[in-house]
Amino acid sequence: MVCPELRTRCHEGKLFKSGFSYRFSKITEMHTHCTHCKLKFEKEPGFFYGAMYVSYGLTVALWVAVGVAFYVLSEKINPWLFMIFGIVLLLALLPGIFRISRAIWLTMFIPFEDKDERKAH
């Protein structure tokens, strides 16, 4: 018998309660369980603290991309323009980075079953 927590899951239910929004009070509201297969998202208290590492990696990648773009598009990089543009871009992408990092973190620990594999069962 397979432990219910180790089974593969649907990857079809909603992870967050609200759609993409810039209302910071709504960004962190998640469902406790999958709306489709009833998988409990938070395996233990503080489970999503690890998503901060994913978020950090995504943020570093964003800053590297902005730096490379500034280097390629201009002969001399103005550090103030680079910082202002990078901060504005980071603030604009903050809700998406937060949500993507939580989804990536969850996907790292829960195997998901492909739709074709579910149909075969």
Protein backbone atom coordinates (compact mmCIF):
# COMPACT_ATOMS: atom_id res chain seq x y z
CA MET A 1 0.00 0.00 0.00
CA VAL A 2 1.29 3.44 -0.95
CA CYS A 3 1.35 6.15 1.69
CA PRO A 4 -1.23 8.79 0.66
CA GLU A 5 1.30 11.58 1.18
CA LEU A 6 3.79 10.00 -1.25
CA ARG A 7 1.40 9.48 -4.15
CA THR A 8 1.74 11.62 -7.22
CA ARG A 9 -0.74 14.45 -7.46
CA CYS A 10 -2.85 16.21 -10.04
CA HIS A 11 -1.14 19.60 -10.62
CA GLU A 12 -4.56 20.96 -11.61
CA GLY A 13 -5.93 22.66 -8.48
CA LYS A 14 -5.34 26.27 -7.56
CA LEU A 15 -2.43 27.07 -5.27
CA PHE A 16 -3.40 30.65 -4.42
CA LYS A 17 -6.81 31.95 -3.39
CA SER A 18 -6.75 35.06 -5.56
CA GLY A 19 -5.49 35.74 -9.04
CA PHE A 20 -2.35 37.73 -9.78
CA SER A 21 -2.64 40.96 -7.85
CA TYR A 22 -0.55 43.81 -6.55
CA ARG A 23 -2.57 43.94 -3.32
CA PHE A 24 0.13 42.78 -0.92
CA SER A 25 -2.43 41.49 1.58
CA LYS A 26 -3.72 39.04 -1.07
CA ILE A 27 -0.37 37.82 -2.43
CA THR A 28 0.31 35.36 0.39
CA GLU A 29 -3.18 33.85 0.72
CA MET A 30 -2.92 30.20 -0.28
CA HIS A 31 -5.34 27.31 -0.16
CA THR A 32 -4.43 24.82 2.56
CA HIS A 33 -5.32 21.90 0.29
CA CYS A 34 -5.47 21.37 -3.47
CA THR A 35 -8.90 22.29 -4.81
CA HIS A 36 -8.80 19.26 -7.10
CA CYS A 37 -7.11 16.33 -5.30
CA LYS A 38 -7.12 17.62 -1.67
CA LEU A 39 -3.31 17.44 -1.28
CA LYS A 40 -2.18 19.34 1.81
CA PHE A 41 0.26 21.97 0.57
CA GLU A 42 2.10 22.85 3.78
CA LYS A 43 3.68 19.59 4.94
CA GLU A 44 4.91 21.04 8.23
CA PRO A 45 4.95 24.45 9.93
CA GLY A 46 7.35 26.72 8.09
CA PHE A 47 7.47 24.49 5.00
CA PHE A 48 7.51 27.44 2.62
CA TYR A 49 10.46 29.16 4.33
CA GLY A 50 12.60 27.22 1.86
CA ALA A 51 10.88 29.08 -0.97
CA MET A 52 12.93 32.10 0.11
CA TYR A 53 16.02 30.38 -1.34
CA VAL A 54 14.21 29.91 -4.66
CA SER A 55 13.08 33.54 -4.55
CA TYR A 56 16.65 34.65 -3.85
CA GLY A 57 17.88 32.66 -6.86
CA LEU A 58 15.21 34.18 -9.10
CA THR A 59 16.06 37.67 -7.85
CA VAL A 60 19.78 37.17 -8.49
CA ALA A 61 18.97 35.90 -11.99
CA LEU A 62 16.86 39.02 -12.57
CA TRP A 63 19.69 41.33 -11.45
CA VAL A 64 22.19 39.48 -13.64
CA ALA A 65 19.83 39.77 -16.63
CA VAL A 66 19.38 43.51 -16.00
CA GLY A 67 23.14 43.95 -15.65
CA VAL A 68 23.85 42.07 -18.88
CA ALA A 69 21.16 44.07 -20.70
CA PHE A 70 22.66 47.35 -19.50
CA TYR A 71 26.14 46.19 -20.46
CA VAL A 72 25.05 45.13 -23.96
CA LEU A 73 22.81 48.12 -24.67
CA SER A 74 25.11 50.85 -23.45
CA GLU A 75 28.81 51.45 -23.61
CA LYS A 76 29.01 52.87 -20.12
CA ILE A 77 26.73 51.66 -17.36
CA ASN A 78 25.34 54.41 -15.16
CA PRO A 79 25.16 52.75 -11.73
CA TRP A 80 22.25 54.92 -10.57
CA LEU A 81 20.19 54.16 -13.65
CA PHE A 82 21.03 50.46 -13.25
CA MET A 83 19.92 50.48 -9.58
CA ILE A 84 16.72 52.45 -10.20
CA PHE A 85 15.69 50.30 -13.15
CA GLY A 86 16.53 47.09 -11.27
CA ILE A 87 14.57 48.10 -8.16
CA VAL A 88 11.52 49.22 -10.16
CA LEU A 89 11.59 45.98 -12.16
CA LEU A 90 11.99 43.92 -8.99
CA LEU A 91 9.05 45.66 -7.31
CA ALA A 92 6.92 45.17 -10.43
CA LEU A 93 7.74 41.45 -10.55
CA LEU A 94 7.59 40.84 -6.78
CA PRO A 95 4.14 39.17 -6.70
CA GLY A 96 5.09 36.87 -9.55
CA ILE A 97 8.45 35.97 -8.05
CA PHE A 98 6.79 35.19 -4.72
CA ARG A 99 4.19 32.92 -6.32
CA ILE A 100 6.59 31.20 -8.68
CA SER A 101 9.08 30.51 -5.88
CA ARG A 102 6.39 28.86 -3.74
CA ALA A 103 5.19 26.78 -6.68
CA ILE A 104 8.75 25.68 -7.50
CA TRP A 105 9.44 24.82 -3.86
CA LEU A 106 6.28 22.73 -3.64
CA THR A 107 7.05 20.98 -6.93
CA MET A 108 10.51 20.02 -5.65
CA PHE A 109 8.97 17.93 -2.86
CA ILE A 110 5.81 16.49 -4.42
CA PRO A 111 5.92 14.35 -7.55
CA PHE A 112 3.17 15.22 -9.98
CA GLU A 113 1.45 12.73 -12.24
CA ASP A 114 1.07 13.52 -15.92
CA LYS A 115 -2.49 13.68 -17.29
CA ASP A 116 -1.73 10.87 -19.74
CA GLU A 117 -0.47 8.65 -16.90
CA ARG A 118 -3.67 9.24 -14.90
CA LYS A 119 -5.81 8.25 -17.88
CA ALA A 120 -3.87 4.98 -18.21
CA HIS A 121 -4.74 3.97 -14.62
